[in-house]
């Protein structure tokens, strides 16, 4: 059975690129447009990995990480940040919140798939 990955980004084009790469590698994908949308779509199904942007409206990625870690069913789900943010302070905030990996945009799909394979 395919592993399920949630892709959270306010950019539809980024979600599409990431989804195409993941689906091409055999993963099932759930898309969400921001942190609130992501939490609303976490309805108890197994999610093997969350790939989230940092800067989004409604709920940013760091807040999403903190919220997911409070959820009994998803607190051990690995989260990878996929963002334009490359500053050490943001990376540290993500790590402190519970993010397991940090990939900076623009990214190459093979780099994304390599990171996903290690986490999912």
N, C-alpha and C. Protein backbone atom coordinates (compact mmCIF):
# COMPACT_ATOMS: atom_id res chain seq x y z
N UNK A 1 0.83 -1.18 0.00
CA UNK A 1 0.00 0.00 0.00
C UNK A 1 0.89 1.26 0.00
N UNK A 2 0.49 2.24 -0.80
CA UNK A 2 1.29 3.46 -0.94
C UNK A 2 1.27 4.28 0.35
N UNK A 3 2.37 4.94 0.62
CA UNK A 3 2.43 5.83 1.78
C UNK A 3 1.76 7.15 1.42
N UNK A 4 1.15 7.77 2.41
CA UNK A 4 0.43 9.02 2.19
C UNK A 4 1.24 10.20 2.71
N UNK A 5 1.37 11.21 1.86
CA UNK A 5 2.11 12.42 2.22
C UNK A 5 1.18 13.61 2.06
N UNK A 6 1.16 14.47 3.09
CA UNK A 6 0.37 15.69 3.01
C UNK A 6 1.29 16.83 2.58
N UNK A 7 0.86 17.57 1.55
CA UNK A 7 1.61 18.71 1.04
C UNK A 7 0.84 19.97 1.40
N UNK A 8 1.48 20.86 2.17
CA UNK A 8 0.82 22.07 2.66
C UNK A 8 1.57 23.29 2.13
N UNK A 9 0.94 24.04 1.22
CA UNK A 9 1.56 25.24 0.66
C UNK A 9 0.47 26.13 0.11
N UNK A 10 0.60 27.45 0.32
CA UNK A 10 -0.41 28.37 -0.19
C UNK A 10 -0.27 28.60 -1.69
N UNK A 11 0.83 28.15 -2.28
CA UNK A 11 1.03 28.28 -3.72
C UNK A 11 0.53 27.01 -4.43
N UNK A 12 -0.52 27.19 -5.25
CA UNK A 12 -1.08 26.04 -5.98
C UNK A 12 -0.03 25.42 -6.90
N UNK A 13 0.83 26.25 -7.50
CA UNK A 13 1.83 25.71 -8.43
C UNK A 13 2.87 24.87 -7.69
N UNK A 14 3.28 25.29 -6.49
CA UNK A 14 4.22 24.49 -5.70
C UNK A 14 3.56 23.17 -5.29
N UNK A 15 2.31 23.24 -4.81
CA UNK A 15 1.60 22.00 -4.45
C UNK A 15 1.55 21.06 -5.64
N UNK A 16 1.30 21.61 -6.82
CA UNK A 16 1.20 20.77 -8.02
C UNK A 16 2.54 20.11 -8.35
N UNK A 17 3.61 20.89 -8.32
CA UNK A 17 4.95 20.35 -8.64
C UNK A 17 5.33 19.25 -7.64
N UNK A 18 5.12 19.51 -6.35
CA UNK A 18 5.45 18.53 -5.32
C UNK A 18 4.58 17.29 -5.47
N UNK A 19 3.29 17.49 -5.71
CA UNK A 19 2.36 16.36 -5.85
C UNK A 19 2.73 15.48 -7.04
N UNK A 20 3.05 16.11 -8.17
CA UNK A 20 3.43 15.35 -9.36
C UNK A 20 4.67 14.50 -9.08
N UNK A 21 5.67 15.11 -8.42
CA UNK A 21 6.90 14.37 -8.10
C UNK A 21 6.59 13.19 -7.18
N UNK A 22 5.78 13.44 -6.14
CA UNK A 22 5.47 12.39 -5.17
C UNK A 22 4.62 11.28 -5.79
N UNK A 23 3.59 11.67 -6.53
CA UNK A 23 2.73 10.66 -7.17
C UNK A 23 3.53 9.83 -8.16
N UNK A 24 4.46 10.49 -8.87
CA UNK A 24 5.31 9.78 -9.82
C UNK A 24 6.19 8.75 -9.14
N UNK A 25 6.50 8.99 -7.85
CA UNK A 25 7.32 8.06 -7.08
C UNK A 25 6.46 7.05 -6.32
N UNK A 26 5.15 7.09 -6.55
CA UNK A 26 4.27 6.07 -5.97
C UNK A 26 3.59 6.43 -4.66
N UNK A 27 3.69 7.69 -4.26
CA UNK A 27 3.03 8.11 -3.01
C UNK A 27 1.61 8.60 -3.27
N UNK A 28 0.75 8.44 -2.26
CA UNK A 28 -0.55 9.09 -2.28
C UNK A 28 -0.35 10.48 -1.68
N UNK A 29 -1.10 11.46 -2.20
CA UNK A 29 -0.90 12.84 -1.75
C UNK A 29 -2.22 13.47 -1.32
N UNK A 30 -2.17 14.16 -0.18
CA UNK A 30 -3.27 15.00 0.28
C UNK A 30 -2.74 16.43 0.21
N UNK A 31 -3.48 17.33 -0.45
CA UNK A 31 -3.04 18.71 -0.56
C UNK A 31 -3.83 19.61 0.38
N UNK A 32 -3.14 20.60 0.96
CA UNK A 32 -3.79 21.60 1.80
C UNK A 32 -3.17 22.95 1.49
N UNK A 33 -3.98 24.02 1.56
CA UNK A 33 -3.51 25.35 1.15
C UNK A 33 -2.91 26.17 2.29
N UNK A 34 -3.08 25.72 3.53
CA UNK A 34 -2.45 26.39 4.68
C UNK A 34 -2.58 25.47 5.90
N UNK A 35 -2.06 25.93 7.02
CA UNK A 35 -2.06 25.10 8.22
C UNK A 35 -3.45 24.71 8.69
N UNK A 36 -4.38 25.66 8.65
CA UNK A 36 -5.75 25.37 9.10
C UNK A 36 -6.40 24.32 8.20
N UNK A 37 -6.20 24.46 6.89
CA UNK A 37 -6.74 23.49 5.93
C UNK A 37 -6.13 22.11 6.20
N UNK A 38 -4.83 22.08 6.47
CA UNK A 38 -4.14 20.81 6.75
C UNK A 38 -4.74 20.13 7.97
N UNK A 39 -4.91 20.89 9.06
CA UNK A 39 -5.47 20.31 10.28
C UNK A 39 -6.89 19.79 10.04
N UNK A 40 -7.66 20.52 9.24
CA UNK A 40 -9.04 20.10 8.94
C UNK A 40 -9.06 18.79 8.15
N UNK A 41 -8.00 18.55 7.37
CA UNK A 41 -7.94 17.33 6.54
C UNK A 41 -7.31 16.15 7.27
N UNK A 42 -6.84 16.38 8.48
CA UNK A 42 -6.27 15.28 9.29
C UNK A 42 -7.40 14.65 10.08
N UNK A 43 -8.04 13.69 9.46
CA UNK A 43 -9.26 13.11 10.03
C UNK A 43 -9.05 11.70 10.56
N UNK A 44 -7.81 11.37 10.91
CA UNK A 44 -7.56 10.07 11.49
C UNK A 44 -6.88 9.08 10.58
N UNK A 45 -6.80 9.41 9.29
CA UNK A 45 -6.10 8.52 8.36
C UNK A 45 -4.60 8.56 8.63
N UNK A 46 -3.90 7.51 8.24
CA UNK A 46 -2.45 7.47 8.44
C UNK A 46 -1.79 8.42 7.45
N UNK A 47 -0.98 9.32 7.98
CA UNK A 47 -0.18 10.21 7.15
C UNK A 47 1.27 9.92 7.52
N UNK A 48 2.06 9.53 6.52
CA UNK A 48 3.44 9.10 6.77
C UNK A 48 4.42 10.27 6.85
N UNK A 49 4.06 11.40 6.22
CA UNK A 49 4.94 12.56 6.21
C UNK A 49 4.12 13.80 5.85
N UNK A 50 4.47 14.93 6.45
CA UNK A 50 3.88 16.21 6.08
C UNK A 50 5.00 17.07 5.51
N UNK A 51 4.77 17.63 4.32
CA UNK A 51 5.71 18.56 3.69
C UNK A 51 5.01 19.91 3.70
N UNK A 52 5.57 20.86 4.45
CA UNK A 52 4.88 22.14 4.63
C UNK A 52 5.75 23.35 4.34
N UNK A 53 5.12 24.36 3.74
CA UNK A 53 5.74 25.67 3.58
C UNK A 53 5.80 26.32 4.96
N UNK A 54 6.59 27.38 5.10
CA UNK A 54 6.63 28.12 6.36
C UNK A 54 5.68 29.31 6.30
N UNK A 55 5.82 30.14 5.27
CA UNK A 55 5.04 31.38 5.18
C UNK A 55 3.73 31.14 4.43
N UNK A 56 2.63 31.10 5.19
CA UNK A 56 1.30 30.91 4.61
C UNK A 56 0.30 31.76 5.39
N UNK A 57 -0.80 32.13 4.74
CA UNK A 57 -1.85 32.85 5.48
C UNK A 57 -2.60 31.90 6.43
N UNK A 58 -3.39 32.45 7.31
CA UNK A 58 -4.24 31.71 8.26
C UNK A 58 -3.46 30.97 9.34
N UNK A 59 -2.55 30.09 8.93
CA UNK A 59 -1.68 29.42 9.90
C UNK A 59 -0.37 29.08 9.20
N UNK A 60 0.73 29.61 9.72
CA UNK A 60 2.03 29.36 9.10
C UNK A 60 2.53 27.95 9.43
N UNK A 61 3.61 27.58 8.76
CA UNK A 61 4.13 26.22 8.89
C UNK A 61 4.67 25.87 10.27
N UNK A 62 5.32 26.84 10.94
CA UNK A 62 5.87 26.56 12.27
C UNK A 62 4.72 26.30 13.25
N UNK A 63 3.67 27.11 13.16
CA UNK A 63 2.50 26.90 14.02
C UNK A 63 1.85 25.56 13.71
N UNK A 64 1.79 25.21 12.42
CA UNK A 64 1.24 23.90 12.03
C UNK A 64 2.03 22.77 12.69
N UNK A 65 3.35 22.85 12.65
CA UNK A 65 4.18 21.81 13.28
C UNK A 65 3.81 21.67 14.75
N UNK A 66 3.72 22.80 15.45
CA UNK A 66 3.38 22.77 16.88
C UNK A 66 2.01 22.14 17.10
N UNK A 67 1.03 22.50 16.25
CA UNK A 67 -0.33 21.96 16.38
C UNK A 67 -0.34 20.44 16.13
N UNK A 68 0.36 20.01 15.09
CA UNK A 68 0.40 18.57 14.75
C UNK A 68 1.01 17.78 15.91
N UNK A 69 2.06 18.33 16.52
CA UNK A 69 2.74 17.63 17.62
C UNK A 69 1.86 17.51 18.86
N UNK A 70 0.79 18.33 18.94
CA UNK A 70 -0.16 18.24 20.05
C UNK A 70 -1.24 17.18 19.80
N UNK A 71 -1.35 16.74 18.55
CA UNK A 71 -2.41 15.81 18.15
C UNK A 71 -1.96 14.37 18.43
N UNK A 72 -2.69 13.64 19.30
CA UNK A 72 -2.25 12.29 19.68
C UNK A 72 -2.00 11.36 18.49
N UNK A 73 -2.81 11.45 17.45
CA UNK A 73 -2.68 10.53 16.32
C UNK A 73 -1.50 10.90 15.41
N UNK A 74 -1.11 12.18 15.43
CA UNK A 74 -0.09 12.64 14.48
C UNK A 74 1.19 13.15 15.12
N UNK A 75 1.32 13.03 16.45
CA UNK A 75 2.47 13.64 17.10
C UNK A 75 3.81 13.02 16.68
N UNK A 76 3.79 11.80 16.17
CA UNK A 76 5.04 11.17 15.72
C UNK A 76 5.20 11.24 14.19
N UNK A 77 4.28 11.92 13.50
CA UNK A 77 4.39 12.05 12.04
C UNK A 77 5.53 13.01 11.71
N UNK A 78 6.50 12.57 10.91
CA UNK A 78 7.60 13.48 10.57
C UNK A 78 7.11 14.64 9.69
N UNK A 79 7.73 15.80 9.89
CA UNK A 79 7.36 16.98 9.12
C UNK A 79 8.61 17.57 8.50
N UNK A 80 8.53 17.83 7.19
CA UNK A 80 9.63 18.46 6.46
C UNK A 80 9.15 19.84 6.00
N UNK A 81 9.95 20.85 6.26
CA UNK A 81 9.62 22.19 5.80
C UNK A 81 10.19 22.39 4.40
N UNK A 82 9.37 22.93 3.50
CA UNK A 82 9.78 23.22 2.12
C UNK A 82 9.48 24.70 1.92
N UNK A 83 10.52 25.53 1.91
CA UNK A 83 10.30 26.97 2.03
C UNK A 83 11.40 27.78 1.36
N UNK A 84 11.12 29.05 1.13
CA UNK A 84 12.15 29.97 0.64
C UNK A 84 13.03 30.46 1.79
N UNK A 85 12.59 30.22 3.01
CA UNK A 85 13.33 30.66 4.19
C UNK A 85 14.60 29.82 4.36
N UNK A 86 15.74 30.51 4.43
CA UNK A 86 16.99 29.75 4.63
C UNK A 86 17.77 30.26 5.84
N UNK A 87 17.19 31.19 6.58
CA UNK A 87 17.87 31.74 7.76
C UNK A 87 17.93 30.75 8.90
N UNK A 88 19.04 30.80 9.63
CA UNK A 88 19.24 29.87 10.74
C UNK A 88 18.19 30.03 11.84
N UNK A 89 17.71 31.28 12.04
CA UNK A 89 16.71 31.48 13.09
C UNK A 89 15.40 30.78 12.76
N UNK A 90 14.99 30.84 11.48
CA UNK A 90 13.76 30.14 11.07
C UNK A 90 13.97 28.63 11.16
N UNK A 91 15.12 28.16 10.71
CA UNK A 91 15.41 26.72 10.77
C UNK A 91 15.37 26.24 12.22
N UNK A 92 15.95 27.04 13.12
CA UNK A 92 15.97 26.65 14.52
C UNK A 92 14.55 26.63 15.09
N UNK A 93 13.73 27.61 14.70
CA UNK A 93 12.34 27.66 15.15
C UNK A 93 11.59 26.42 14.67
N UNK A 94 11.85 26.02 13.42
CA UNK A 94 11.22 24.82 12.88
C UNK A 94 11.67 23.57 13.62
N UNK A 95 12.97 23.49 13.87
CA UNK A 95 13.52 22.34 14.59
C UNK A 95 12.96 22.27 16.01
N UNK A 96 12.91 23.44 16.67
CA UNK A 96 12.37 23.50 18.04
C UNK A 96 10.91 23.07 18.08
N UNK A 97 10.17 23.40 17.02
CA UNK A 97 8.75 23.04 16.96
C UNK A 97 8.57 21.54 16.69
N UNK A 98 9.59 20.92 16.06
CA UNK A 98 9.50 19.49 15.80
C UNK A 98 9.71 19.08 14.35
N UNK A 99 10.07 20.03 13.48
CA UNK A 99 10.33 19.68 12.07
C UNK A 99 11.59 18.83 11.98
N UNK A 100 11.55 17.82 11.12
CA UNK A 100 12.67 16.88 11.00
C UNK A 100 13.64 17.23 9.87
N UNK A 101 13.18 18.03 8.89
CA UNK A 101 14.04 18.36 7.76
C UNK A 101 13.64 19.72 7.20
N UNK A 102 14.56 20.31 6.43
CA UNK A 102 14.35 21.65 5.90
C UNK A 102 14.89 21.66 4.48
N UNK A 103 14.04 21.91 3.50
CA UNK A 103 14.44 21.96 2.09
C UNK A 103 14.09 23.33 1.56
N UNK A 104 15.06 23.99 0.94
CA UNK A 104 14.86 25.37 0.49
C UNK A 104 14.42 25.39 -0.98
N UNK A 105 13.40 26.22 -1.27
CA UNK A 105 12.95 26.45 -2.65
C UNK A 105 13.89 27.46 -3.28
N UNK A 106 14.13 27.42 -4.58
CA UNK A 106 13.63 26.37 -5.48
C UNK A 106 14.37 25.06 -5.24
N UNK A 107 13.68 23.97 -5.46
CA UNK A 107 14.26 22.65 -5.19
C UNK A 107 14.19 21.81 -6.45
N UNK A 108 15.01 20.78 -6.48
CA UNK A 108 14.97 19.82 -7.57
C UNK A 108 14.17 18.60 -7.10
N UNK A 109 13.23 18.11 -7.89
CA UNK A 109 12.44 16.94 -7.46
C UNK A 109 13.27 15.77 -6.94
N UNK A 110 14.44 15.43 -7.54
CA UNK A 110 15.22 14.32 -6.96
C UNK A 110 15.65 14.60 -5.52
N UNK A 111 15.99 15.86 -5.20
CA UNK A 111 16.38 16.21 -3.83
C UNK A 111 15.18 16.04 -2.90
N UNK A 112 14.01 16.46 -3.36
CA UNK A 112 12.79 16.30 -2.58
C UNK A 112 12.51 14.83 -2.31
N UNK A 113 12.57 14.03 -3.37
CA UNK A 113 12.26 12.59 -3.24
C UNK A 113 13.26 11.88 -2.35
N UNK A 114 14.52 12.30 -2.41
CA UNK A 114 15.55 11.71 -1.56
C UNK A 114 15.24 11.99 -0.09
N UNK A 115 14.88 13.24 0.22
CA UNK A 115 14.55 13.62 1.60
C UNK A 115 13.29 12.89 2.06
N UNK A 116 12.30 12.81 1.18
CA UNK A 116 11.03 12.14 1.52
C UNK A 116 11.29 10.67 1.82
N UNK A 117 12.12 10.02 1.01
CA UNK A 117 12.40 8.60 1.21
C UNK A 117 13.03 8.33 2.57
N UNK A 118 13.81 9.27 3.08
CA UNK A 118 14.45 9.10 4.38
C UNK A 118 13.46 9.27 5.54
N UNK A 119 12.39 10.04 5.31
CA UNK A 119 11.48 10.38 6.39
C UNK A 119 10.18 9.57 6.39
N UNK A 120 9.65 9.30 5.21
CA UNK A 120 8.32 8.68 5.12
C UNK A 120 8.35 7.19 5.44
